[in-house]
Amino acid sequence: MESHIEQSLVTQGIISQEQLATLKLEQQRSSISLINAIRRLKFVRETVLLDFLEQKKIKPIIAQRFPLAEARQAHELLGKGGVVGKIVLVPNGAPRGMDH
């Protein structure tokens, strides 16, 4: 029986049913722990997401960029709530601003 997380990964196209079956079989054969199986699923998901980013199939929503030196202000903004998108810390000297 698939967990809700596994089913969501397949439904959202992050991992194929075949990839999931292969990981489950590997888990059974090698007796790896559940936590290691989850780590492998996360690795596959992250790999697929990075591929989607490179292919421009997805675009992350960036609320605002802050220089690394302003990490405190970025953290305070998150603490206030209401931020839509990601707060990105960039190396000092890189462009700062809001993305839409």
N, C-alpha and C. Protein backbone atom coordinates (compact mmCIF):
# COMPACT_ATOMS: atom_id res chain seq x y z
N MET A 1 0.83 -1.17 0.00
CA MET A 1 0.00 0.00 0.00
C MET A 1 0.89 1.25 0.00
N GLU A 2 0.58 2.21 -0.85
CA GLU A 2 1.35 3.44 -0.94
C GLU A 2 0.93 4.42 0.14
N SER A 3 1.90 5.14 0.63
CA SER A 3 1.60 6.20 1.59
C SER A 3 1.05 7.40 0.83
N HIS A 4 0.49 8.33 1.58
CA HIS A 4 -0.04 9.55 0.98
C HIS A 4 1.08 10.32 0.27
N ILE A 5 2.25 10.36 0.89
CA ILE A 5 3.38 11.08 0.30
C ILE A 5 3.79 10.43 -1.02
N GLU A 6 3.91 9.12 -1.02
CA GLU A 6 4.30 8.41 -2.24
C GLU A 6 3.28 8.66 -3.34
N GLN A 7 2.01 8.58 -3.01
CA GLN A 7 0.96 8.80 -4.00
C GLN A 7 1.02 10.22 -4.54
N SER A 8 1.29 11.20 -3.67
CA SER A 8 1.40 12.59 -4.10
C SER A 8 2.57 12.78 -5.05
N LEU A 9 3.71 12.15 -4.75
CA LEU A 9 4.87 12.27 -5.63
C LEU A 9 4.55 11.76 -7.02
N VAL A 10 3.82 10.66 -7.10
CA VAL A 10 3.45 10.09 -8.40
C VAL A 10 2.41 10.97 -9.08
N THR A 11 1.38 11.37 -8.35
CA THR A 11 0.30 12.19 -8.93
C THR A 11 0.82 13.50 -9.48
N GLN A 12 1.77 14.11 -8.79
CA GLN A 12 2.31 15.40 -9.23
C GLN A 12 3.39 15.25 -10.31
N GLY A 13 3.71 14.02 -10.67
CA GLY A 13 4.69 13.80 -11.72
C GLY A 13 6.13 13.98 -11.27
N ILE A 14 6.35 14.01 -9.96
CA ILE A 14 7.70 14.21 -9.45
C ILE A 14 8.50 12.92 -9.55
N ILE A 15 7.82 11.81 -9.43
CA ILE A 15 8.44 10.50 -9.55
C ILE A 15 7.44 9.60 -10.27
N SER A 16 7.95 8.72 -11.11
CA SER A 16 7.05 7.82 -11.83
C SER A 16 6.69 6.62 -10.96
N GLN A 17 5.63 5.97 -11.32
CA GLN A 17 5.20 4.77 -10.60
C GLN A 17 6.31 3.71 -10.67
N GLU A 18 7.00 3.64 -11.80
CA GLU A 18 8.08 2.67 -11.97
C GLU A 18 9.26 2.99 -11.05
N GLN A 19 9.61 4.28 -10.94
CA GLN A 19 10.70 4.67 -10.05
C GLN A 19 10.36 4.34 -8.60
N LEU A 20 9.11 4.60 -8.23
CA LEU A 20 8.67 4.30 -6.87
C LEU A 20 8.75 2.80 -6.61
N ALA A 21 8.29 2.01 -7.56
CA ALA A 21 8.33 0.56 -7.40
C ALA A 21 9.77 0.06 -7.27
N THR A 22 10.67 0.63 -8.05
CA THR A 22 12.09 0.25 -7.99
C THR A 22 12.67 0.57 -6.61
N LEU A 23 12.36 1.76 -6.10
CA LEU A 23 12.86 2.13 -4.78
C LEU A 23 12.31 1.22 -3.69
N LYS A 24 11.04 0.86 -3.80
CA LYS A 24 10.44 -0.02 -2.80
C LYS A 24 11.07 -1.41 -2.85
N LEU A 25 11.31 -1.91 -4.07
CA LEU A 25 11.94 -3.21 -4.23
C LEU A 25 13.35 -3.19 -3.65
N GLU A 26 14.08 -2.13 -3.92
CA GLU A 26 15.43 -1.99 -3.39
C GLU A 26 15.39 -1.97 -1.86
N GLN A 27 14.38 -1.29 -1.31
CA GLN A 27 14.25 -1.24 0.14
C GLN A 27 14.04 -2.64 0.70
N GLN A 28 13.19 -3.42 0.06
CA GLN A 28 12.91 -4.78 0.53
C GLN A 28 14.14 -5.68 0.42
N ARG A 29 14.85 -5.55 -0.69
CA ARG A 29 16.02 -6.42 -0.93
C ARG A 29 17.18 -6.10 0.00
N SER A 30 17.41 -4.85 0.25
CA SER A 30 18.58 -4.47 1.03
C SER A 30 18.27 -4.21 2.49
N SER A 31 17.02 -4.29 2.83
CA SER A 31 16.58 -4.05 4.21
C SER A 31 17.00 -2.67 4.70
N ILE A 32 17.00 -1.68 3.79
CA ILE A 32 17.34 -0.33 4.25
C ILE A 32 16.19 0.19 5.10
N SER A 33 16.53 1.09 5.95
CA SER A 33 15.53 1.63 6.87
C SER A 33 14.55 2.52 6.12
N LEU A 34 13.43 2.75 6.74
CA LEU A 34 12.43 3.63 6.16
C LEU A 34 12.99 5.03 5.95
N ILE A 35 13.78 5.51 6.89
CA ILE A 35 14.34 6.86 6.76
C ILE A 35 15.26 6.94 5.55
N ASN A 36 16.03 5.90 5.27
CA ASN A 36 16.89 5.90 4.09
C ASN A 36 16.07 5.84 2.81
N ALA A 37 14.98 5.09 2.84
CA ALA A 37 14.09 5.04 1.67
C ALA A 37 13.50 6.42 1.40
N ILE A 38 13.10 7.12 2.46
CA ILE A 38 12.56 8.46 2.30
C ILE A 38 13.63 9.41 1.77
N ARG A 39 14.84 9.28 2.27
CA ARG A 39 15.94 10.12 1.77
C ARG A 39 16.16 9.89 0.28
N ARG A 40 16.08 8.64 -0.14
CA ARG A 40 16.25 8.34 -1.57
C ARG A 40 15.12 8.96 -2.39
N LEU A 41 13.90 8.88 -1.87
CA LEU A 41 12.77 9.50 -2.58
C LEU A 41 12.97 11.01 -2.68
N LYS A 42 13.45 11.63 -1.59
CA LYS A 42 13.71 13.06 -1.61
C LYS A 42 14.80 13.40 -2.62
N PHE A 43 15.83 12.56 -2.69
CA PHE A 43 16.91 12.80 -3.65
C PHE A 43 16.38 12.75 -5.08
N VAL A 44 15.55 11.75 -5.36
CA VAL A 44 14.96 11.64 -6.70
C VAL A 44 14.11 12.87 -6.99
N ARG A 45 13.31 13.27 -6.01
CA ARG A 45 12.45 14.44 -6.18
C ARG A 45 13.27 15.68 -6.46
N GLU A 46 14.34 15.90 -5.66
CA GLU A 46 15.18 17.07 -5.85
C GLU A 46 15.87 17.04 -7.21
N THR A 47 16.30 15.88 -7.63
CA THR A 47 16.94 15.75 -8.93
C THR A 47 15.97 16.12 -10.05
N VAL A 48 14.75 15.62 -9.96
CA VAL A 48 13.73 15.92 -10.97
C VAL A 48 13.40 17.41 -10.94
N LEU A 49 13.27 17.99 -9.76
CA LEU A 49 12.97 19.42 -9.66
C LEU A 49 14.09 20.27 -10.27
N LEU A 50 15.34 19.88 -10.02
CA LEU A 50 16.45 20.61 -10.62
C LEU A 50 16.42 20.51 -12.14
N ASP A 51 16.07 19.33 -12.65
CA ASP A 51 15.93 19.16 -14.10
C ASP A 51 14.83 20.07 -14.64
N PHE A 52 13.70 20.13 -13.93
CA PHE A 52 12.58 20.99 -14.36
C PHE A 52 13.01 22.45 -14.37
N LEU A 53 13.80 22.87 -13.36
CA LEU A 53 14.28 24.25 -13.31
C LEU A 53 15.18 24.54 -14.51
N GLU A 54 16.11 23.64 -14.79
CA GLU A 54 17.02 23.83 -15.92
C GLU A 54 16.28 23.89 -17.25
N GLN A 55 15.21 23.10 -17.38
CA GLN A 55 14.42 23.07 -18.60
C GLN A 55 13.37 24.18 -18.64
N LYS A 56 13.33 24.98 -17.59
CA LYS A 56 12.37 26.09 -17.46
C LYS A 56 10.92 25.62 -17.51
N LYS A 57 10.69 24.40 -17.00
CA LYS A 57 9.33 23.87 -16.91
C LYS A 57 8.63 24.40 -15.66
N ILE A 58 9.43 24.83 -14.68
CA ILE A 58 8.89 25.44 -13.47
C ILE A 58 9.71 26.68 -13.17
N LYS A 59 9.10 27.62 -12.46
CA LYS A 59 9.81 28.83 -12.06
C LYS A 59 9.45 29.12 -10.61
N PRO A 60 10.45 29.15 -9.74
CA PRO A 60 10.15 29.44 -8.33
C PRO A 60 9.68 30.88 -8.17
N ILE A 61 8.83 31.09 -7.21
CA ILE A 61 8.36 32.44 -6.89
C ILE A 61 9.31 33.01 -5.84
N ILE A 62 9.97 34.09 -6.21
CA ILE A 62 10.90 34.74 -5.30
C ILE A 62 10.27 36.04 -4.83
N ALA A 63 10.04 36.14 -3.53
CA ALA A 63 9.42 37.34 -2.97
C ALA A 63 10.43 38.50 -2.95
N GLN A 64 11.63 38.21 -2.46
CA GLN A 64 12.64 39.25 -2.36
C GLN A 64 14.02 38.64 -2.20
N ARG A 65 15.03 39.35 -2.68
CA ARG A 65 16.43 38.96 -2.53
C ARG A 65 17.10 39.91 -1.54
N PHE A 66 17.95 39.35 -0.70
CA PHE A 66 18.71 40.15 0.26
C PHE A 66 20.17 39.77 0.15
N PRO A 67 21.07 40.77 0.27
CA PRO A 67 22.50 40.43 0.37
C PRO A 67 22.71 39.62 1.65
N LEU A 68 23.68 38.76 1.63
CA LEU A 68 23.95 37.90 2.78
C LEU A 68 24.16 38.73 4.05
N ALA A 69 24.73 39.90 3.90
CA ALA A 69 24.97 40.76 5.05
C ALA A 69 23.67 41.22 5.71
N GLU A 70 22.55 41.11 5.00
CA GLU A 70 21.25 41.53 5.53
C GLU A 70 20.37 40.33 5.89
N ALA A 71 21.00 39.22 6.22
CA ALA A 71 20.26 38.00 6.56
C ALA A 71 19.30 38.24 7.74
N ARG A 72 19.71 39.06 8.66
CA ARG A 72 18.83 39.35 9.81
C ARG A 72 17.52 39.99 9.35
N GLN A 73 17.60 40.97 8.46
CA GLN A 73 16.40 41.63 7.95
C GLN A 73 15.52 40.64 7.19
N ALA A 74 16.14 39.74 6.45
CA ALA A 74 15.39 38.73 5.71
C ALA A 74 14.63 37.82 6.69
N HIS A 75 15.31 37.43 7.75
CA HIS A 75 14.69 36.58 8.76
C HIS A 75 13.54 37.31 9.46
N GLU A 76 13.72 38.58 9.75
CA GLU A 76 12.66 39.37 10.38
C GLU A 76 11.45 39.48 9.46
N LEU A 77 11.69 39.66 8.17
CA LEU A 77 10.58 39.72 7.20
C LEU A 77 9.78 38.42 7.21
N LEU A 78 10.49 37.30 7.24
CA LEU A 78 9.80 36.01 7.31
C LEU A 78 8.99 35.90 8.60
N GLY A 79 9.55 36.41 9.69
CA GLY A 79 8.88 36.33 10.97
C GLY A 79 7.58 37.11 11.01
N LYS A 80 7.48 38.17 10.21
CA LYS A 80 6.26 38.97 10.17
C LYS A 80 5.11 38.22 9.48
N GLY A 81 5.48 37.27 8.64
CA GLY A 81 4.45 36.51 7.91
C GLY A 81 3.95 37.26 6.70
N GLY A 82 3.12 36.59 5.94
CA GLY A 82 2.52 37.21 4.77
C GLY A 82 3.40 37.24 3.53
N VAL A 83 4.57 36.64 3.60
CA VAL A 83 5.47 36.62 2.45
C VAL A 83 5.00 35.55 1.48
N VAL A 84 4.83 35.94 0.23
CA VAL A 84 4.46 34.98 -0.80
C VAL A 84 5.70 34.72 -1.64
N GLY A 85 6.17 33.50 -1.64
CA GLY A 85 7.37 33.14 -2.37
C GLY A 85 8.54 32.94 -1.43
N LYS A 86 9.70 32.82 -2.02
CA LYS A 86 10.92 32.53 -1.26
C LYS A 86 11.71 33.81 -1.02
N ILE A 87 12.36 33.85 0.12
CA ILE A 87 13.33 34.90 0.42
C ILE A 87 14.69 34.30 0.06
N VAL A 88 15.44 35.01 -0.76
CA VAL A 88 16.72 34.49 -1.25
C VAL A 88 17.85 35.35 -0.72
N LEU A 89 18.83 34.70 -0.13
CA LEU A 89 20.05 35.39 0.28
C LEU A 89 21.08 35.23 -0.84
N VAL A 90 21.65 36.36 -1.26
CA VAL A 90 22.63 36.34 -2.35
C VAL A 90 23.97 36.85 -1.83
N PRO A 91 25.06 36.47 -2.48
CA PRO A 91 26.37 36.95 -2.04
C PRO A 91 26.40 38.48 -2.05
N ASN A 92 27.14 39.05 -1.12
CA ASN A 92 27.24 40.50 -1.05
C ASN A 92 27.71 41.06 -2.39
N GLY A 93 27.06 42.15 -2.81
CA GLY A 93 27.42 42.77 -4.08
C GLY A 93 26.54 42.34 -5.23
N ALA A 94 25.75 41.27 -5.07
CA ALA A 94 24.85 40.83 -6.13
C ALA A 94 23.60 41.71 -6.12
N PRO A 95 22.87 41.77 -7.24
CA PRO A 95 21.67 42.62 -7.29
C PRO A 95 20.65 42.23 -6.23
N ARG A 96 19.99 43.25 -5.68
CA ARG A 96 18.97 43.06 -4.66
C ARG A 96 17.64 43.54 -5.23
N GLY A 97 16.57 42.95 -4.79
CA GLY A 97 15.28 43.47 -5.24
C GLY A 97 14.18 42.45 -5.12
N MET A 98 13.04 42.84 -5.68
CA MET A 98 11.86 41.97 -5.64
C MET A 98 11.67 41.37 -7.02
N ASP A 99 11.17 40.14 -7.04
CA ASP A 99 10.85 39.47 -8.28
C ASP A 99 9.34 39.28 -8.32
N HIS A 100 8.80 39.30 -9.50
CA HIS A 100 7.36 39.07 -9.63
C HIS A 100 7.10 37.93 -10.56
